[in-house]
C-alpha atoms as a PDB file:
ATOM      1  CA  MET A   1     119.696  91.198  88.774  1.00  0.00           C
ATOM      2  CA  THR A   2     119.526  87.413  88.905  1.00  0.00           C
ATOM      3  CA  SER A   3     117.583  85.082  86.683  1.00  0.00           C
ATOM      4  CA  SER A   4     115.548  83.830  89.662  1.00  0.00           C
ATOM      5  CA  GLN A   5     113.809  87.172  90.095  1.00  0.00           C
ATOM      6  CA  PRO A   6     110.189  87.318  88.960  1.00  0.00           C
ATOM      7  CA  ILE A   7     108.420  89.353  86.345  1.00  0.00           C
ATOM      8  CA  GLY A   8     106.086  91.659  88.247  1.00  0.00           C
ATOM      9  CA  ALA A   9     102.609  92.290  86.830  1.00  0.00           C
ATOM     10  CA  PHE A  10      99.636  94.228  88.163  1.00  0.00           C
ATOM     11  CA  ASP A  11      96.047  95.062  87.300  1.00  0.00           C
ATOM     12  CA  SER A  12      92.993  96.298  89.149  1.00  0.00           C
ATOM     13  CA  GLY A  13      91.699  92.735  89.232  1.00  0.00           C
ATOM     14  CA  VAL A  14      91.462  89.659  87.044  1.00  0.00           C
ATOM     15  CA  GLY A  15      91.763  91.370  83.652  1.00  0.00           C
ATOM     16  CA  GLY A  16      95.523  91.042  83.618  1.00  0.00           C
ATOM     17  CA  LEU A  17      95.136  87.282  83.806  1.00  0.00           C
ATOM     18  CA  SER A  18      94.498  87.389  80.049  1.00  0.00           C
ATOM     19  CA  VAL A  19      98.028  88.784  79.630  1.00  0.00           C
ATOM     20  CA  LEU A  20      99.418  86.446  82.285  1.00  0.00           C
ATOM     21  CA  ARG A  21      98.097  83.560  80.196  1.00  0.00           C
ATOM     22  CA  ALA A  22     100.006  84.866  77.160  1.00  0.00           C
ATOM     23  CA  LEU A  23     103.169  85.479  79.205  1.00  0.00           C
ATOM     24  CA  ARG A  24     103.192  81.936  80.504  1.00  0.00           C
ATOM     25  CA  ALA A  25     102.637  80.530  77.010  1.00  0.00           C
ATOM     26  CA  GLN A  26     105.494  82.622  75.585  1.00  0.00           C
ATOM     27  CA  LEU A  27     107.836  82.429  78.603  1.00  0.00           C
ATOM     28  CA  PRO A  28     107.133  79.184  80.474  1.00  0.00           C
ATOM     29  CA  ALA A  29     110.411  79.284  82.424  1.00  0.00           C
ATOM     30  CA  GLU A  30     109.747  82.664  84.033  1.00  0.00           C
ATOM     31  CA  ASP A  31     108.540  83.203  87.589  1.00  0.00           C
ATOM     32  CA  ILE A  32     105.728  85.764  87.710  1.00  0.00           C
ATOM     33  CA  LEU A  33     104.365  87.808  90.618  1.00  0.00           C
ATOM     34  CA  TYR A  34     100.794  88.880  89.789  1.00  0.00           C
ATOM     35  CA  PHE A  35      99.215  91.656  91.879  1.00  0.00           C
ATOM     36  CA  ALA A  36      95.458  92.223  91.707  1.00  0.00           C
ATOM     37  CA  ASP A  37      94.433  95.528  93.297  1.00  0.00           C
ATOM     38  CA  GLN A  38      90.906  94.348  93.994  1.00  0.00           C
ATOM     39  CA  ALA A  39      90.514  96.790  96.875  1.00  0.00           C
ATOM     40  CA  HIS A  40      90.221  99.459  94.174  1.00  0.00           C
ATOM     41  CA  VAL A  41      88.633  97.603  91.241  1.00  0.00           C
ATOM     42  CA  PRO A  42      87.570  98.879  88.753  1.00  0.00           C
ATOM     43  CA  TYR A  43      90.224 101.419  87.785  1.00  0.00           C
ATOM     44  CA  GLY A  44      88.348 102.538  84.674  1.00  0.00           C
ATOM     45  CA  PRO A  45      86.000 105.143  86.240  1.00  0.00           C
ATOM     46  CA  ARG A  46      88.753 106.546  88.475  1.00  0.00           C
ATOM     47  CA  GLY A  47      90.796 109.584  87.513  1.00  0.00           C
ATOM     48  CA  LEU A  48      94.280 109.411  86.038  1.00  0.00           C
ATOM     49  CA  ASP A  49      95.929 110.883  89.137  1.00  0.00           C
ATOM     50  CA  GLU A  50      94.312 108.371  91.489  1.00  0.00           C
ATOM     51  CA  VAL A  51      95.259 105.394  89.318  1.00  0.00           C
ATOM     52  CA  ARG A  52      98.791 106.755  88.967  1.00  0.00           C
ATOM     53  CA  GLY A  53      99.109 106.835  92.751  1.00  0.00           C
ATOM     54  CA  PHE A  54      97.963 103.231  93.067  1.00  0.00           C
ATOM     55  CA  SER A  55     100.312 102.157  90.281  1.00  0.00           C
ATOM     56  CA  GLU A  56     103.363 103.824  91.759  1.00  0.00           C
ATOM     57  CA  ALA A  57     102.743 102.203  95.148  1.00  0.00           C
ATOM     58  CA  ILE A  58     102.243  98.779  93.580  1.00  0.00           C
ATOM     59  CA  ALA A  59     105.438  99.217  91.566  1.00  0.00           C
ATOM     60  CA  ARG A  60     107.319  99.945  94.800  1.00  0.00           C
ATOM     61  CA  TYR A  61     105.902  96.740  96.272  1.00  0.00           C
ATOM     62  CA  LEU A  62     106.845  94.663  93.218  1.00  0.00           C
ATOM     63  CA  ILE A  63     110.371  96.094  93.172  1.00  0.00           C
ATOM     64  CA  ALA A  64     110.748  95.357  96.887  1.00  0.00           C
ATOM     65  CA  GLU A  65     109.705  91.772  96.091  1.00  0.00           C
ATOM     66  CA  GLY A  66     112.529  91.524  93.569  1.00  0.00           C
ATOM     67  CA  ALA A  67     110.800  92.181  90.242  1.00  0.00           C
ATOM     68  CA  LYS A  68     113.339  92.353  87.403  1.00  0.00           C
ATOM     69  CA  LEU A  69     110.815  93.685  84.900  1.00  0.00           C
ATOM     70  CA  ILE A  70     107.306  95.090  85.356  1.00  0.00           C
ATOM     71  CA  VAL A  71     104.373  94.471  83.051  1.00  0.00           C
ATOM     72  CA  ILE A  72     101.261  96.599  83.406  1.00  0.00           C
ATOM     73  CA  PRO A  73      98.586  94.285  81.956  1.00  0.00           C
ATOM     74  CA  CYS A  74      95.972  96.969  82.445  1.00  0.00           C
ATOM     75  CA  ASN A  75      95.157  99.591  79.822  1.00  0.00           C
ATOM     76  CA  THR A  76      93.851 102.047  82.418  1.00  0.00           C
ATOM     77  CA  ALA A  77      96.966 101.845  84.612  1.00  0.00           C
ATOM     78  CA  SER A  78      99.164 102.077  81.518  1.00  0.00           C
ATOM     79  CA  ALA A  79      97.349 105.219  80.422  1.00  0.00           C
ATOM     80  CA  ALA A  80      97.792 106.751  83.867  1.00  0.00           C
ATOM     81  CA  ALA A  81     101.220 105.550  84.955  1.00  0.00           C
ATOM     82  CA  LEU A  82     103.414 104.021  82.235  1.00  0.00           C
ATOM     83  CA  LYS A  83     105.278 107.237  81.439  1.00  0.00           C
ATOM     84  CA  PRO A  84     105.682 108.335  85.104  1.00  0.00           C
ATOM     85  CA  LEU A  85     106.917 104.876  86.134  1.00  0.00           C
ATOM     86  CA  ARG A  86     109.512 104.841  83.373  1.00  0.00           C
ATOM     87  CA  GLN A  87     110.705 108.240  84.578  1.00  0.00           C
ATOM     88  CA  LEU A  88     110.883 107.027  88.187  1.00  0.00           C
ATOM     89  CA  TYR A  89     112.710 103.788  87.315  1.00  0.00           C
ATOM     90  CA  PRO A  90     114.745 104.449  84.157  1.00  0.00           C
ATOM     91  CA  GLU A  91     116.890 101.328  84.619  1.00  0.00           C
ATOM     92  CA  LEU A  92     113.937  98.965  85.036  1.00  0.00           C
ATOM     93  CA  PRO A  93     112.266  97.525  81.920  1.00  0.00           C
ATOM     94  CA  ILE A  94     108.546  98.374  82.081  1.00  0.00           C
ATOM     95  CA  VAL A  95     106.016  97.134  79.533  1.00  0.00           C
ATOM     96  CA  GLY A  96     102.574  98.674  79.298  1.00  0.00           C
ATOM     97  CA  MET A  97      99.412  98.186  77.295  1.00  0.00           C
ATOM     98  CA  GLU A  98      98.058 100.410  74.590  1.00  0.00           C
ATOM     99  CA  PRO A  99      94.816  99.839  72.699  1.00  0.00           C
ATOM    100  CA  ALA A 100      95.777  97.905  69.562  1.00  0.00           C
ATOM    101  CA  VAL A 101      94.530 100.589  67.190  1.00  0.00           C
ATOM    102  CA  LYS A 102      97.555 100.261  64.900  1.00  0.00           C
ATOM    103  CA  PRO A 103      96.988  96.631  63.816  1.00  0.00           C
ATOM    104  CA  ALA A 104      93.242  97.259  63.667  1.00  0.00           C
ATOM    105  CA  ALA A 105      93.711 100.245  61.355  1.00  0.00           C
ATOM    106  CA  GLU A 106      96.134  98.276  59.198  1.00  0.00           C
ATOM    107  CA  HIS A 107      93.764  95.339  58.724  1.00  0.00           C
ATOM    108  CA  THR A 108      90.350  96.992  58.453  1.00  0.00           C
ATOM    109  CA  GLU A 109      88.780  96.716  55.018  1.00  0.00           C
ATOM    110  CA  SER A 110      85.672  98.768  55.758  1.00  0.00           C
ATOM    111  CA  GLY A 111      87.664 101.619  57.310  1.00  0.00           C
ATOM    112  CA  VAL A 112      85.625 101.415  60.517  1.00  0.00           C
ATOM    113  CA  VAL A 113      87.206 100.156  63.758  1.00  0.00           C
ATOM    114  CA  GLY A 114      85.552  99.773  67.154  1.00  0.00           C
ATOM    115  CA  VAL A 115      87.469 100.170  70.425  1.00  0.00           C
ATOM    116  CA  LEU A 116      86.167  98.802  73.717  1.00  0.00           C
ATOM    117  CA  ALA A 117      88.058 100.301  76.657  1.00  0.00           C
ATOM    118  CA  THR A 118      87.559 102.168  79.933  1.00  0.00           C
ATOM    119  CA  PRO A 119      86.894 105.893  80.431  1.00  0.00           C
ATOM    120  CA  THR A 120      90.348 106.518  81.870  1.00  0.00           C
ATOM    121  CA  THR A 121      91.999 104.751  78.931  1.00  0.00           C
ATOM    122  CA  PHE A 122      90.100 106.961  76.505  1.00  0.00           C
ATOM    123  CA  GLU A 123      91.095 110.070  78.485  1.00  0.00           C
ATOM    124  CA  GLY A 124      94.802 109.239  78.518  1.00  0.00           C
ATOM    125  CA  GLU A 125      97.492 110.739  76.291  1.00  0.00           C
ATOM    126  CA  LEU A 126      98.539 107.236  75.219  1.00  0.00           C
ATOM    127  CA  TYR A 127      95.231 106.467  73.513  1.00  0.00           C
ATOM    128  CA  ALA A 128      95.033 109.870  71.834  1.00  0.00           C
ATOM    129  CA  SER A 129      98.584 109.475  70.562  1.00  0.00           C
ATOM    130  CA  VAL A 130      97.938 106.001  69.130  1.00  0.00           C
ATOM    131  CA  VAL A 131      94.804 107.164  67.304  1.00  0.00           C
ATOM    132  CA  GLU A 132      96.560 110.247  65.955  1.00  0.00           C
ATOM    133  CA  ARG A 133      99.580 108.300  64.713  1.00  0.00           C
ATOM    134  CA  PHE A 134      97.976 105.194  63.291  1.00  0.00           C
ATOM    135  CA  ALA A 135      94.297 105.792  62.526  1.00  0.00           C
ATOM    136  CA  GLN A 136      94.444 108.544  59.935  1.00  0.00           C
ATOM    137  CA  GLY A 137      91.679 107.956  57.410  1.00  0.00           C
ATOM    138  CA  VAL A 138      89.994 105.357  59.628  1.00  0.00           C
ATOM    139  CA  THR A 139      86.738 105.897  61.526  1.00  0.00           C
ATOM    140  CA  VAL A 140      87.343 104.908  65.153  1.00  0.00           C
ATOM    141  CA  LEU A 141      84.230 104.230  67.230  1.00  0.00           C
ATOM    142  CA  GLN A 142      84.599 103.798  70.970  1.00  0.00           C
ATOM    143  CA  ASP A 143      82.581 102.589  73.930  1.00  0.00           C
ATOM    144  CA  ALA A 144      83.491 102.306  77.616  1.00  0.00           C
ATOM    145  CA  CYS A 145      81.153  99.350  78.280  1.00  0.00           C
ATOM    146  CA  PRO A 146      80.117 100.630  81.745  1.00  0.00           C
ATOM    147  CA  GLY A 147      79.634  97.784  84.179  1.00  0.00           C
ATOM    148  CA  LEU A 148      81.417  95.105  82.138  1.00  0.00           C
ATOM    149  CA  VAL A 149      84.553  94.961  84.293  1.00  0.00           C
ATOM    150  CA  GLU A 150      82.395  94.460  87.377  1.00  0.00           C
ATOM    151  CA  GLU A 151      80.541  91.584  85.686  1.00  0.00           C
ATOM    152  CA  ILE A 152      83.824  89.900  84.767  1.00  0.00           C
ATOM    153  CA  GLU A 153      85.239  90.403  88.272  1.00  0.00           C
ATOM    154  CA  ALA A 154      82.115  88.725  89.639  1.00  0.00           C
ATOM    155  CA  GLY A 155      82.601  85.681  87.413  1.00  0.00           C
ATOM    156  CA  ARG A 156      79.866  86.579  84.927  1.00  0.00           C
ATOM    157  CA  ALA A 157      81.995  87.370  81.875  1.00  0.00           C
ATOM    158  CA  ASN A 158      79.558  85.697  79.513  1.00  0.00           C
ATOM    159  CA  GLY A 159      76.368  86.165  81.529  1.00  0.00           C
ATOM    160  CA  PRO A 160      73.181  87.992  80.506  1.00  0.00           C
ATOM    161  CA  GLU A 161      74.178  91.408  81.899  1.00  0.00           C
ATOM    162  CA  ALA A 162      77.576  91.259  80.198  1.00  0.00           C
ATOM    163  CA  ARG A 163      75.786  90.406  76.970  1.00  0.00           C
ATOM    164  CA  ARG A 164      73.404  93.353  77.388  1.00  0.00           C
ATOM    165  CA  ILE A 165      76.337  95.743  77.922  1.00  0.00           C
ATOM    166  CA  LEU A 166      78.204  94.388  74.918  1.00  0.00           C
ATOM    167  CA  GLU A 167      75.188  94.454  72.630  1.00  0.00           C
ATOM    168  CA  ALA A 168      74.600  98.106  73.532  1.00  0.00           C
ATOM    169  CA  ALA A 169      78.222  98.863  72.631  1.00  0.00           C
ATOM    170  CA  LEU A 170      78.672  96.708  69.543  1.00  0.00           C
ATOM    171  CA  GLN A 171      75.394  96.829  67.656  1.00  0.00           C
ATOM    172  CA  PRO A 172      75.653 100.577  66.826  1.00  0.00           C
ATOM    173  CA  MET A 173      79.249  99.975  65.689  1.00  0.00           C
ATOM    174  CA  LEU A 174      78.115  97.144  63.427  1.00  0.00           C
ATOM    175  CA  ALA A 175      75.496  99.475  61.953  1.00  0.00           C
ATOM    176  CA  TRP A 176      78.360 101.845  61.015  1.00  0.00           C
ATOM    177  CA  GLY A 177      80.075  99.031  59.116  1.00  0.00           C
ATOM    178  CA  MET A 178      82.736  98.118  61.680  1.00  0.00           C
ATOM    179  CA  ASP A 179      84.796  95.078  60.700  1.00  0.00           C
ATOM    180  CA  THR A 180      87.428  95.113  63.467  1.00  0.00           C
ATOM    181  CA  VAL A 181      87.075  95.304  67.268  1.00  0.00           C
ATOM    182  CA  VAL A 182      89.943  96.275  69.573  1.00  0.00           C
ATOM    183  CA  LEU A 183      89.731  94.740  73.054  1.00  0.00           C
ATOM    184  CA  GLY A 184      91.202  97.753  74.829  1.00  0.00           C
ATOM    185  CA  CYS A 185      90.775  96.457  78.382  1.00  0.00           C
ATOM    186  CA  THR A 186      92.503  93.288  79.550  1.00  0.00           C
ATOM    187  CA  HIS A 187      89.291  92.120  81.227  1.00  0.00           C
ATOM    188  CA  TYR A 188      87.411  92.002  77.943  1.00  0.00           C
ATOM    189  CA  PRO A 189      89.070  88.920  76.341  1.00  0.00           C
ATOM    190  CA  PHE A 190      87.325  86.850  79.000  1.00  0.00           C
ATOM    191  CA  ALA A 191      84.037  87.870  77.345  1.00  0.00           C
ATOM    192  CA  PHE A 192      85.394  86.755  73.969  1.00  0.00           C
ATOM    193  CA  ASP A 193      82.666  84.182  73.345  1.00  0.00           C
ATOM    194  CA  THR A 194      79.885  86.711  73.879  1.00  0.00           C
ATOM    195  CA  ILE A 195      81.630  89.337  71.749  1.00  0.00           C
ATOM    196  CA  ARG A 196      82.171  86.837  68.952  1.00  0.00           C
ATOM    197  CA  ASP A 197      78.527  85.763  69.108  1.00  0.00           C
ATOM    198  CA  ILE A 198      77.340  89.373  68.804  1.00  0.00           C
ATOM    199  CA  VAL A 199      79.639  90.511  65.985  1.00  0.00           C
ATOM    200  CA  GLY A 200      79.702  87.266  64.000  1.00  0.00           C
ATOM    201  CA  PRO A 201      82.589  85.386  62.394  1.00  0.00           C
ATOM    202  CA  ALA A 202      83.518  88.033  59.816  1.00  0.00           C
ATOM    203  CA  VAL A 203      84.576  90.705  62.338  1.00  0.00           C
ATOM    204  CA  ARG A 204      88.193  90.618  63.455  1.00  0.00           C
ATOM    205  CA  LEU A 205      88.856  90.736  67.222  1.00  0.00           C
ATOM    206  CA  VAL A 206      92.213  92.210  68.246  1.00  0.00           C
ATOM    207  CA  ASP A 207      93.708  91.165  71.595  1.00  0.00           C
ATOM    208  CA  PRO A 208      97.154  92.707  72.256  1.00  0.00           C
ATOM    209  CA  ALA A 209      98.197  90.127  74.900  1.00  0.00           C
ATOM    210  CA  PRO A 210     100.394  87.962  72.618  1.00  0.00           C
ATOM    211  CA  ALA A 211     102.239  91.043  71.348  1.00  0.00           C
ATOM    212  CA  VAL A 212     102.872  92.163  74.940  1.00  0.00           C
ATOM    213  CA  ALA A 213     104.306  88.740  75.783  1.00  0.00           C
ATOM    214  CA  ARG A 214     106.647  88.914  72.786  1.00  0.00           C
ATOM    215  CA  ARG A 215     107.794  92.398  73.859  1.00  0.00           C
ATOM    216  CA  VAL A 216     108.565  91.103  77.366  1.00  0.00           C
ATOM    217  CA  GLU A 217     110.567  88.232  75.863  1.00  0.00           C
ATOM    218  CA  SER A 218     112.547  90.695  73.738  1.00  0.00           C
ATOM    219  CA  LEU A 219     113.353  92.953  76.697  1.00  0.00           C
ATOM    220  CA  LEU A 220     114.407  90.033  78.891  1.00  0.00           C
ATOM    221  CA  ALA A 221     116.860  88.958  76.217  1.00  0.00           C
ATOM    222  CA  GLU A 222     118.063  92.528  75.609  1.00  0.00           C
ATOM    223  CA  HIS A 223     118.811  93.051  79.307  1.00  0.00           C
ATOM    224  CA  ALA A 224     120.152  89.516  79.917  1.00  0.00           C
ATOM    225  CA  LEU A 225     117.348  88.843  82.398  1.00  0.00           C
ATOM    226  CA  ALA A 226     115.831  85.645  80.996  1.00  0.00           C
ATOM    227  CA  ALA A 227     115.331  82.839  83.506  1.00  0.00           C
ATOM    228  CA  THR A 228     118.091  80.231  83.457  1.00  0.00           C
ATOM    229  CA  GLY A 229     118.878  77.154  85.462  1.00  0.00           C
ATOM    230  CA  GLU A 230     122.036  76.467  87.471  1.00  0.00           C
ATOM    231  CA  ALA A 231     123.927  75.316  84.376  1.00  0.00           C
ATOM    232  CA  GLY A 232     122.875  78.367  82.408  1.00  0.00           C
ATOM    233  CA  VAL A 233     120.180  76.555  80.495  1.00  0.00           C
ATOM    234  CA  THR A 234     116.558  77.625  80.362  1.00  0.00           C
ATOM    235  CA  SER A 235     114.568  76.366  83.329  1.00  0.00           C
ATOM    236  CA  GLU A 236     111.725  73.958  82.588  1.00  0.00           C
ATOM    237  CA  ARG A 237     108.843  75.817  84.190  1.00  0.00           C
ATOM    238  CA  GLY A 238     108.449  78.926  86.300  1.00  0.00           C
ATOM    239  CA  SER A 239     105.991  79.536  89.102  1.00  0.00           C
ATOM    240  CA  THR A 240     103.226  82.115  89.466  1.00  0.00           C
ATOM    241  CA  ARG A 241     102.624  83.889  92.748  1.00  0.00           C
ATOM    242  CA  TYR A 242      99.265  85.612  93.207  1.00  0.00           C
ATOM    243  CA  VAL A 243      98.703  88.564  95.545  1.00  0.00           C
ATOM    244  CA  THR A 244      95.518  90.585  96.043  1.00  0.00           C
ATOM    245  CA  SER A 245      94.500  93.637  98.052  1.00  0.00           C
ATOM    246  CA  GLY A 246      90.965  92.225  98.043  1.00  0.00           C
ATOM    247  CA  ASP A 247      89.568  88.853  99.074  1.00  0.00           C
ATOM    248  CA  PRO A 248      92.094  86.048  98.418  1.00  0.00           C
ATOM    249  CA  ALA A 249      89.322  83.446  98.219  1.00  0.00           C
ATOM    250  CA  ALA A 250      87.538  85.448  95.514  1.00  0.00           C
ATOM    251  CA  LEU A 251      90.680  85.762  93.388  1.00  0.00           C
ATOM    252  CA  GLN A 252      91.395  82.077  93.890  1.00  0.00           C
ATOM    253  CA  GLN A 253      87.932  81.298  92.514  1.00  0.00           C
ATOM    254  CA  ARG A 254      88.387  83.584  89.495  1.00  0.00           C
ATOM    255  CA  VAL A 255      91.773  82.007  88.692  1.00  0.00           C
ATOM    256  CA  ARG A 256      90.139  78.598  88.855  1.00  0.00           C
ATOM    257  CA  GLU A 257      87.361  79.715  86.503  1.00  0.00           C
ATOM    258  CA  LEU A 258      89.447  81.728  84.047  1.00  0.00           C
ATOM    259  CA  LEU A 259      92.725  79.796  83.951  1.00  0.00           C
ATOM    260  CA  ALA A 260      91.604  76.338  85.152  1.00  0.00           C
ATOM    261  CA  GLU A 261      94.218  76.495  87.896  1.00  0.00           C
ATOM    262  CA  ASP A 262      94.138  75.972  91.645  1.00  0.00           C
ATOM    263  CA  ALA A 263      96.158  78.903  92.941  1.00  0.00           C
ATOM    264  CA  VAL A 264      97.388  79.890  96.383  1.00  0.00           C
ATOM    265  CA  VAL A 265      96.559  83.587  96.808  1.00  0.00           C
ATOM    266  CA  GLU A 266      98.220  85.900  99.327  1.00  0.00           C
ATOM    267  CA  GLY A 267      96.461  88.896 100.835  1.00  0.00           C
ATOM    268  CA  VAL A 268      97.942  92.367 101.316  1.00  0.00           C
ATOM    269  CA  VAL A 269      96.414  95.605 102.540  1.00  0.00           C
ATOM    270  CA  TRP A 270      96.684  99.303 101.774  1.00  0.00           C
ATOM    271  CA  ASP A 271      98.014 101.454 104.592  1.00  0.00           C
ATOM    272  CA  ASP A 272      98.544 105.188 104.138  1.00  0.00           C
ATOM    273  CA  GLY A 273      99.043 104.802 100.404  1.00  0.00           C
ATOM    274  CA  GLU A 274     101.439 101.859 100.589  1.00  0.00           C
ATOM    275  CA  VAL A 275     101.007  98.121 100.054  1.00  0.00           C
ATOM    276  CA  ILE A 276     101.878  96.071 103.116  1.00  0.00           C
ATOM    277  CA  THR A 277     101.211  92.585 104.428  1.00  0.00           C
ATOM    278  CA  ALA A 278      98.699  92.048 107.192  1.00  0.00           C
ATOM    279  CA  ASP A 279     101.596  91.096 109.503  1.00  0.00           C
ATOM    280  CA  GLU A 280     103.334  94.394 108.799  1.00  0.00           C
ATOM    281  CA  ARG A 281     100.217  96.259 109.803  1.00  0.00           C
ATOM    282  CA  GLY A 282     100.382  94.417 113.109  1.00  0.00           C
END
């Protein structure tokens, strides 16, 4: 693999942009190909098998586009497909998300941790394994925040409906004495201001995005895949390519709102379970 190949990343929509932001801060020289599967957003209420099918098809697309490493900045897709994708592509470094229960359990003083994630994340083996391994002796409260992903996708991450959903999730947890909140869906950091306002300054919010970016950096170095210039020195700045299976104009607007960036967004379509360009469809 060459250093000019991109890091491939995919999510059901704009949630993964919170991880993309961390990747670009940690690895500014890297090219990134970001795929938003907005034709199927949200993934959270869908079953594991369905999300696994989407994920495997998107991985095939990213590999065909030259991805040297794949990041799954989506807790739901990681729960459904991280293990199968690693089995399918054993030579390809693949980094997934897991709810950051371990650091939350290590830092809680009250012994009560709240986890905000999607139904499919909570149903997955990955979440159950993390809780079993790292949360012994800790009370873990969880809520799927139904409707929150849709609010964030619509550009209302800190609007009144998002606040209603978050209050319904967080206030009972606060009553239990929760002092740490795990943001177990990559969409949820975009509602950070509302979450912080509800829980107050004393509650710790745990966003795993920076840790994911550091893991990607480590794997790039381990596999000699880090971006370099012609003279073998680190390039100054990489590019980000955005692709969506939904409305390119809508994703362009969300990128502008969430990342303060004017992006060019390409459109692709689903055809018989595969990702293709509109031209390929004919």
